Protein backbone atom coordinates (compact mmCIF):
# COMPACT_ATOMS: atom_id res chain seq x y z
CA UNK A 1 19.78 14.94 -8.68
CA UNK A 2 17.07 13.05 -6.82
CA UNK A 3 17.22 9.29 -7.20
CA UNK A 4 14.18 7.08 -7.24
CA UNK A 5 13.85 4.33 -4.68
CA UNK A 6 13.78 1.85 -7.57
CA UNK A 7 17.25 3.05 -8.61
CA UNK A 8 18.64 1.86 -5.29
CA UNK A 9 16.91 -1.50 -5.72
CA UNK A 10 18.28 -1.89 -9.24
CA UNK A 11 21.80 -1.15 -8.01
CA UNK A 12 21.42 -3.73 -5.22
CA UNK A 13 20.34 -6.36 -7.77
CA UNK A 14 23.30 -5.44 -10.04
CA UNK A 15 25.70 -5.84 -7.09
CA UNK A 16 24.22 -9.22 -6.18
CA UNK A 17 24.38 -10.36 -9.80
CA UNK A 18 28.05 -9.27 -10.06
CA UNK A 19 28.89 -11.33 -6.96
CA UNK A 20 27.12 -14.41 -8.32
CA UNK A 21 27.93 -14.59 -11.99
CA UNK A 22 26.69 -17.60 -13.84
CA UNK A 23 24.58 -18.91 -16.61
CA UNK A 24 21.04 -17.69 -17.01
CA UNK A 25 19.92 -21.02 -18.43
CA UNK A 26 18.56 -22.19 -15.11
CA UNK A 27 16.72 -18.95 -14.27
CA UNK A 28 13.43 -19.72 -12.52
CA UNK A 29 10.12 -18.95 -14.11
CA UNK A 30 7.25 -20.63 -15.93
CA UNK A 31 8.61 -19.76 -19.40
CA UNK A 32 11.95 -19.15 -21.09
CA UNK A 33 10.88 -15.57 -21.87
CA UNK A 34 12.25 -13.30 -19.13
CA UNK A 35 9.72 -10.53 -19.92
CA UNK A 36 6.85 -12.95 -19.38
CA UNK A 37 8.42 -14.23 -16.17
CA UNK A 38 8.80 -10.64 -14.92
CA UNK A 39 5.15 -9.91 -15.72
CA UNK A 40 3.98 -13.06 -13.92
CA UNK A 41 6.10 -12.18 -10.88
CA UNK A 42 4.72 -8.62 -10.88
CA UNK A 43 1.12 -9.90 -10.99
CA UNK A 44 1.81 -12.37 -8.17
CA UNK A 45 3.45 -9.71 -5.97
CA UNK A 46 0.65 -7.18 -6.59
CA UNK A 47 -2.04 -9.77 -5.90
CA UNK A 48 -0.33 -10.82 -2.67
CA UNK A 49 0.05 -7.19 -1.65
CA UNK A 50 -3.64 -6.57 -2.36
CA UNK A 51 -4.72 -9.56 -0.26
CA UNK A 52 -2.39 -8.60 2.60
CA UNK A 53 -3.58 -4.97 2.54
CA UNK A 54 -7.25 -5.96 2.73
CA UNK A 55 -6.52 -8.39 5.57
CA UNK A 56 -4.69 -5.70 7.54
CA UNK A 57 -7.51 -3.17 6.92
CA UNK A 58 -10.16 -5.65 8.09
CA UNK A 59 -8.03 -6.62 11.09
CA UNK A 60 -7.71 -3.00 12.20
CA UNK A 61 -11.45 -2.44 11.95
CA UNK A 62 -12.69 -5.81 13.27
CA UNK A 63 -12.02 -5.14 16.94
CA UNK A 64 -14.16 -2.03 17.06
CA UNK A 65 -16.86 -2.71 14.47
CA UNK A 66 -17.12 -6.49 14.24
CA UNK A 67 -16.31 -8.87 11.43
CA UNK A 68 -19.24 -8.14 9.10
CA UNK A 69 -19.12 -4.35 9.45
CA UNK A 70 -15.32 -4.36 8.91
CA UNK A 71 -15.82 -6.39 5.74
CA UNK A 72 -18.45 -3.93 4.49
CA UNK A 73 -16.27 -0.89 5.28
CA UNK A 74 -13.36 -2.31 3.30
CA UNK A 75 -15.59 -3.49 0.46
CA UNK A 76 -17.33 -0.10 0.15
CA UNK A 77 -14.20 1.99 -0.27
CA UNK A 78 -14.84 4.53 -3.00
CA UNK A 79 -12.73 4.84 -6.12
CA UNK A 80 -11.61 8.26 -4.83
CA UNK A 81 -10.34 6.76 -1.54
CA UNK A 82 -8.49 4.06 -3.42
CA UNK A 83 -6.92 6.52 -5.86
CA UNK A 84 -5.83 8.87 -3.08
CA UNK A 85 -4.19 5.98 -1.20
CA UNK A 86 -2.52 4.72 -4.37
CA UNK A 87 -1.31 8.21 -5.33
CA UNK A 88 0.12 8.95 -1.89
CA UNK A 89 1.88 5.57 -1.76
CA UNK A 90 3.30 6.10 -5.24
CA UNK A 91 4.50 9.62 -4.34
CA UNK A 92 6.06 8.37 -1.12
CA UNK A 93 8.01 5.58 -2.82
CA UNK A 94 9.29 7.50 -5.83
CA UNK A 95 11.88 9.64 -4.06
CA UNK A 96 12.96 11.15 -0.77
CA UNK A 97 11.11 14.48 -1.22
CA UNK A 98 7.91 12.56 -1.95
CA UNK A 99 8.41 10.45 1.17
CA UNK A 100 8.98 13.61 3.20
CA UNK A 101 5.84 15.28 1.79
CA UNK A 102 3.62 12.27 2.48
CA UNK A 103 5.21 11.60 5.87
CA UNK A 104 4.94 15.26 6.80
CA UNK A 105 1.30 15.29 5.79
CA UNK A 106 0.58 12.18 7.87
CA UNK A 107 2.38 13.76 10.82
CA UNK A 108 0.41 17.00 10.43
CA UNK A 109 -2.91 15.11 10.30
CA UNK A 110 -1.91 13.11 13.37
CA UNK A 111 -1.00 16.25 15.31
CA UNK A 112 -4.24 17.94 14.20
CA UNK A 113 -6.28 14.96 15.35
CA UNK A 114 -4.45 14.79 18.69
CA UNK A 115 -5.35 18.42 19.40
CA UNK A 116 -9.03 17.58 19.14
CA UNK A 117 -10.83 15.75 21.94
CA UNK A 118 -10.73 11.96 21.84
CA UNK A 119 -14.51 11.70 21.83
CA UNK A 120 -14.83 14.12 18.89
CA UNK A 121 -12.25 12.10 16.95
CA UNK A 122 -14.04 8.84 17.68
CA UNK A 123 -17.45 10.25 16.75
CA UNK A 124 -16.16 11.60 13.45
CA UNK A 125 -14.33 8.41 12.51
CA UNK A 126 -17.21 6.18 13.59
CA UNK A 127 -19.70 8.26 11.58
CA UNK A 128 -17.56 8.15 8.41
CA UNK A 129 -16.89 4.41 8.63
CA UNK A 130 -20.44 3.40 9.53
CA UNK A 131 -21.73 5.46 6.57
CA UNK A 132 -19.18 3.71 4.37
CA UNK A 133 -20.26 0.28 5.66
CA UNK A 134 -23.89 0.95 4.82
CA UNK A 135 -23.29 2.56 1.43
CA UNK A 136 -25.25 0.87 -1.33
CA UNK A 137 -23.23 -0.27 -4.36
């Protein structure tokens, strides 16, 4: 049976909770409803993740394309690009076979790119990203 990554996390939380038994009266959160507190925490984590991801994407692009072009490239990502990224990340974090599939695919793409000349790789990547930066909404 293949276990989800979240199963391991849930077990770790259960172990920590067993080591630190106590009252739940003082549990942190804006309300006394634990479901609401969980939802608020989830929104905060996802928003922080979104902000961090965009900052990393812009940072990777800024050195080569400049601040404004990097901002436009990130802003003009298509829905398809976003969904593919989300789907691959979801697949990779669900279980070990998913992580192996996604990691293997990334490795295969890296090896494929490395077989091509550096200038051809740069031209192709530059062309795709510059087109993305100048795409009209």
